[in-house]
Amino acid sequence: MVDDNIIYERFVLFRDFFYDGYYYVNGEKEYAEKLLPEIAEQLSVDYDPKELEKSLTELAKKITNEQLQDLFAKYKPECCSLTRCNKDFLGRYYTYINGSGNLEIKDSSEKVRNKAINAIQNLSENGI
């Protein structure tokens, strides 16, 4: 059984990079959302765009780390800058540099913690 926190990070990766994201085919931008039914079929998961949260959760439960890494390597998805994310994904279980295709099974929580501390220090130094 996969840990619920890992499933949640996978859900966020699917949501931000495959539902709200895009990739390139022959230099042309394509919206990654159209890949989700194909991915679901490969994993034997029912995909219903009207039940997006449920569908993405089922994908997150079913996919393996290796399959997820293969998807990111193949499509090199990028977050759409108009949505939740326009930067890298720094999680406790996964790390992805936006558009790189290299999804790492790596804890980035210390990096996030240090960025937060630096931001607080900068705000304090500027009198905010």
C-alpha atoms as a PDB file:
ATOM      1  CA  MET A   1       0.000   0.000   0.000  1.00  0.00           C
ATOM      2  CA  VAL A   2       1.360   3.411  -0.985  1.00  0.00           C
ATOM      3  CA  ASP A   3       1.531   6.115   1.690  1.00  0.00           C
ATOM      4  CA  ASP A   4      -1.242   8.744   1.450  1.00  0.00           C
ATOM      5  CA  ASN A   5       1.321  11.567   1.372  1.00  0.00           C
ATOM      6  CA  ILE A   6       3.035  10.025  -1.655  1.00  0.00           C
ATOM      7  CA  ILE A   7      -0.342   9.653  -3.367  1.00  0.00           C
ATOM      8  CA  TYR A   8      -1.071  13.324  -2.657  1.00  0.00           C
ATOM      9  CA  GLU A   9       2.250  14.469  -4.171  1.00  0.00           C
ATOM     10  CA  ARG A  10       1.587  12.330  -7.241  1.00  0.00           C
ATOM     11  CA  PHE A  11      -1.895  13.873  -7.460  1.00  0.00           C
ATOM     12  CA  VAL A  12      -0.373  17.376  -7.387  1.00  0.00           C
ATOM     13  CA  LEU A  13       2.165  16.402 -10.059  1.00  0.00           C
ATOM     14  CA  PHE A  14      -0.628  15.102 -12.318  1.00  0.00           C
ATOM     15  CA  ARG A  15      -2.779  18.166 -11.635  1.00  0.00           C
ATOM     16  CA  ASP A  16      -0.085  20.791 -12.137  1.00  0.00           C
ATOM     17  CA  PHE A  17       1.938  19.226 -14.945  1.00  0.00           C
ATOM     18  CA  PHE A  18      -0.528  17.058 -16.859  1.00  0.00           C
ATOM     19  CA  TYR A  19      -3.925  18.677 -16.249  1.00  0.00           C
ATOM     20  CA  ASP A  20      -2.813  22.331 -16.078  1.00  0.00           C
ATOM     21  CA  GLY A  21       0.481  21.868 -17.897  1.00  0.00           C
ATOM     22  CA  TYR A  22       1.774  21.643 -21.424  1.00  0.00           C
ATOM     23  CA  TYR A  23       4.522  19.961 -23.418  1.00  0.00           C
ATOM     24  CA  TYR A  24       6.037  20.397 -26.867  1.00  0.00           C
ATOM     25  CA  VAL A  25       5.612  18.315 -30.029  1.00  0.00           C
ATOM     26  CA  ASN A  26       7.860  19.331 -32.925  1.00  0.00           C
ATOM     27  CA  GLY A  27       8.341  22.730 -31.319  1.00  0.00           C
ATOM     28  CA  GLU A  28       4.592  23.338 -30.916  1.00  0.00           C
ATOM     29  CA  LYS A  29       2.999  23.764 -27.496  1.00  0.00           C
ATOM     30  CA  GLU A  30       0.375  21.120 -26.681  1.00  0.00           C
ATOM     31  CA  TYR A  31      -1.818  21.016 -23.598  1.00  0.00           C
ATOM     32  CA  ALA A  32      -0.953  17.952 -21.544  1.00  0.00           C
ATOM     33  CA  GLU A  33      -4.548  17.444 -20.400  1.00  0.00           C
ATOM     34  CA  LYS A  34      -5.234  15.522 -23.603  1.00  0.00           C
ATOM     35  CA  LEU A  35      -2.686  12.894 -22.474  1.00  0.00           C
ATOM     36  CA  LEU A  36      -4.623  11.960 -19.332  1.00  0.00           C
ATOM     37  CA  PRO A  37      -7.152   9.584 -20.968  1.00  0.00           C
ATOM     38  CA  GLU A  38      -4.287   7.719 -22.671  1.00  0.00           C
ATOM     39  CA  ILE A  39      -2.302   7.499 -19.413  1.00  0.00           C
ATOM     40  CA  ALA A  40      -5.412   6.275 -17.582  1.00  0.00           C
ATOM     41  CA  GLU A  41      -6.016   3.612 -20.214  1.00  0.00           C
ATOM     42  CA  GLN A  42      -2.421   2.367 -19.911  1.00  0.00           C
ATOM     43  CA  LEU A  43      -2.879   2.075 -16.128  1.00  0.00           C
ATOM     44  CA  SER A  44      -6.380   0.530 -16.392  1.00  0.00           C
ATOM     45  CA  VAL A  45      -7.950   3.485 -14.583  1.00  0.00           C
ATOM     46  CA  ASP A  46     -11.309   5.009 -15.487  1.00  0.00           C
ATOM     47  CA  TYR A  47     -10.772   8.659 -16.423  1.00  0.00           C
ATOM     48  CA  ASP A  48     -13.682  11.072 -16.237  1.00  0.00           C
ATOM     49  CA  PRO A  49     -12.838  14.771 -16.738  1.00  0.00           C
ATOM     50  CA  LYS A  50     -16.047  15.655 -14.869  1.00  0.00           C
ATOM     51  CA  GLU A  51     -14.660  13.790 -11.839  1.00  0.00           C
ATOM     52  CA  LEU A  52     -11.158  15.203 -12.117  1.00  0.00           C
ATOM     53  CA  GLU A  53     -10.098  14.912  -8.471  1.00  0.00           C
ATOM     54  CA  LYS A  54     -11.247  11.298  -8.283  1.00  0.00           C
ATOM     55  CA  SER A  55      -9.617  10.421 -11.623  1.00  0.00           C
ATOM     56  CA  LEU A  56      -6.281  12.017 -10.743  1.00  0.00           C
ATOM     57  CA  THR A  57      -6.318  10.353  -7.318  1.00  0.00           C
ATOM     58  CA  GLU A  58      -6.857   6.952  -8.932  1.00  0.00           C
ATOM     59  CA  LEU A  59      -3.985   7.611 -11.345  1.00  0.00           C
ATOM     60  CA  ALA A  60      -1.784   8.636  -8.401  1.00  0.00           C
ATOM     61  CA  LYS A  61      -2.625   5.424  -6.545  1.00  0.00           C
ATOM     62  CA  LYS A  62      -2.021   3.145  -9.505  1.00  0.00           C
ATOM     63  CA  ILE A  63       1.154   4.541 -11.092  1.00  0.00           C
ATOM     64  CA  THR A  64       4.589   3.394  -9.934  1.00  0.00           C
ATOM     65  CA  ASN A  65       7.549   5.690  -9.370  1.00  0.00           C
ATOM     66  CA  GLU A  66       9.238   4.269 -12.463  1.00  0.00           C
ATOM     67  CA  GLN A  67       6.152   4.828 -14.644  1.00  0.00           C
ATOM     68  CA  LEU A  68       5.799   8.382 -13.332  1.00  0.00           C
ATOM     69  CA  GLN A  69       9.462   9.118 -14.029  1.00  0.00           C
ATOM     70  CA  ASP A  70       9.052   7.677 -17.539  1.00  0.00           C
ATOM     71  CA  LEU A  71       6.067   9.983 -18.207  1.00  0.00           C
ATOM     72  CA  PHE A  72       8.020  13.047 -17.111  1.00  0.00           C
ATOM     73  CA  ALA A  73      11.060  11.975 -19.143  1.00  0.00           C
ATOM     74  CA  LYS A  74       8.957  11.385 -22.256  1.00  0.00           C
ATOM     75  CA  TYR A  75       6.896  14.601 -22.197  1.00  0.00           C
ATOM     76  CA  LYS A  76       9.037  17.027 -20.153  1.00  0.00           C
ATOM     77  CA  PRO A  77       5.863  18.792 -18.998  1.00  0.00           C
ATOM     78  CA  GLU A  78       5.812  22.386 -17.826  1.00  0.00           C
ATOM     79  CA  CYS A  79       3.339  24.100 -15.539  1.00  0.00           C
ATOM     80  CA  CYS A  80       1.189  26.715 -17.168  1.00  0.00           C
ATOM     81  CA  SER A  81       2.282  30.058 -15.735  1.00  0.00           C
ATOM     82  CA  LEU A  82      -1.351  31.154 -15.507  1.00  0.00           C
ATOM     83  CA  THR A  83      -2.227  28.435 -13.006  1.00  0.00           C
ATOM     84  CA  ARG A  84      -0.982  27.324  -9.592  1.00  0.00           C
ATOM     85  CA  CYS A  85       2.603  26.833 -10.483  1.00  0.00           C
ATOM     86  CA  ASN A  86       5.169  28.280 -12.793  1.00  0.00           C
ATOM     87  CA  LYS A  87       8.246  26.984 -11.062  1.00  0.00           C
ATOM     88  CA  ASP A  88       9.793  23.749  -9.920  1.00  0.00           C
ATOM     89  CA  PHE A  89       8.047  21.122  -7.787  1.00  0.00           C
ATOM     90  CA  LEU A  90       9.844  20.669  -4.470  1.00  0.00           C
ATOM     91  CA  GLY A  91       8.139  17.992  -2.407  1.00  0.00           C
ATOM     92  CA  ARG A  92       8.942  15.601   0.398  1.00  0.00           C
ATOM     93  CA  TYR A  93       8.973  12.621  -1.968  1.00  0.00           C
ATOM     94  CA  TYR A  94       9.423  14.079  -5.465  1.00  0.00           C
ATOM     95  CA  THR A  95      11.482  16.866  -7.004  1.00  0.00           C
ATOM     96  CA  TYR A  96      10.957  18.165 -10.536  1.00  0.00           C
ATOM     97  CA  ILE A  97      12.673  21.041 -12.290  1.00  0.00           C
ATOM     98  CA  ASN A  98       9.995  22.562 -14.523  1.00  0.00           C
ATOM     99  CA  GLY A  99      10.362  21.355 -18.118  1.00  0.00           C
ATOM    100  CA  SER A 100      13.472  19.252 -17.480  1.00  0.00           C
ATOM    101  CA  GLY A 101      11.917  15.810 -17.824  1.00  0.00           C
ATOM    102  CA  ASN A 102      13.896  14.682 -14.769  1.00  0.00           C
ATOM    103  CA  LEU A 103      11.506  13.689 -11.971  1.00  0.00           C
ATOM    104  CA  GLU A 104      13.623  12.660  -8.991  1.00  0.00           C
ATOM    105  CA  ILE A 105      12.563  10.538  -6.051  1.00  0.00           C
ATOM    106  CA  LYS A 106      14.071  13.049  -3.660  1.00  0.00           C
ATOM    107  CA  ASP A 107      13.093  14.983  -0.532  1.00  0.00           C
ATOM    108  CA  SER A 108      13.314  18.743  -1.095  1.00  0.00           C
ATOM    109  CA  SER A 109      11.680  19.783   2.177  1.00  0.00           C
ATOM    110  CA  GLU A 110      14.958  21.118   3.611  1.00  0.00           C
ATOM    111  CA  LYS A 111      15.417  23.320   0.533  1.00  0.00           C
ATOM    112  CA  VAL A 112      11.855  24.648   0.955  1.00  0.00           C
ATOM    113  CA  ARG A 113      12.468  25.238   4.663  1.00  0.00           C
ATOM    114  CA  ASN A 114      15.648  27.217   3.919  1.00  0.00           C
ATOM    115  CA  LYS A 115      13.854  29.324   1.293  1.00  0.00           C
ATOM    116  CA  ALA A 116      11.120  30.137   3.821  1.00  0.00           C
ATOM    117  CA  ILE A 117      13.666  31.105   6.482  1.00  0.00           C
ATOM    118  CA  ASN A 118      15.512  33.341   3.996  1.00  0.00           C
ATOM    119  CA  ALA A 119      12.254  35.015   2.965  1.00  0.00           C
ATOM    120  CA  ILE A 120      11.328  35.698   6.596  1.00  0.00           C
ATOM    121  CA  GLN A 121      14.801  37.085   7.292  1.00  0.00           C
ATOM    122  CA  ASN A 122      14.612  39.343   4.227  1.00  0.00           C
ATOM    123  CA  LEU A 123      11.223  40.649   5.298  1.00  0.00           C
ATOM    124  CA  SER A 124      12.497  41.276   8.834  1.00  0.00           C
ATOM    125  CA  GLU A 125      15.582  43.109   7.561  1.00  0.00           C
ATOM    126  CA  ASN A 126      13.416  45.350   5.398  1.00  0.00           C
ATOM    127  CA  GLY A 127      11.167  46.258   8.309  1.00  0.00           C
ATOM    128  CA  ILE A 128       8.115  44.444   7.035  1.00  0.00           C
END
